């Protein structure tokens, strides 16, 4: 179950990243060339760990980077919530269906020891 949760988060993050980059490239970049700053933005992990305020200030003051990152965050959260809801529904259906497979599909139960060959 933990692996499934990690997979849901990973696919939500990757999918949101590609969706955000595509939205910026297709819809925003043709209207304003400054959105290229988001596509070229590469966080410096060493600087982030040592001086996170500098990185946060850079992102907060530049709306051409901030707005796409907010979109990415919202898409990631929505993706995780949607996958968790679908997972819960699938899990609920599998729990409800256990032990009732033949009746649920409309097949009659055969008496124990009987087979379709010796009933003719």
Foldseek 3Di string as FASTA:
>chain_A
DVVVLVVQLVVQLVVLVVVLVVCCVPPVCVVPVVLVCQVPDDDDVVCCVVPVVVVVVVLVVDVSNVVSVVSSVVSSVVSSVVVVVVVVVVVVVVVVCPPCVCVVVPHDDDPPPDDPVVVD
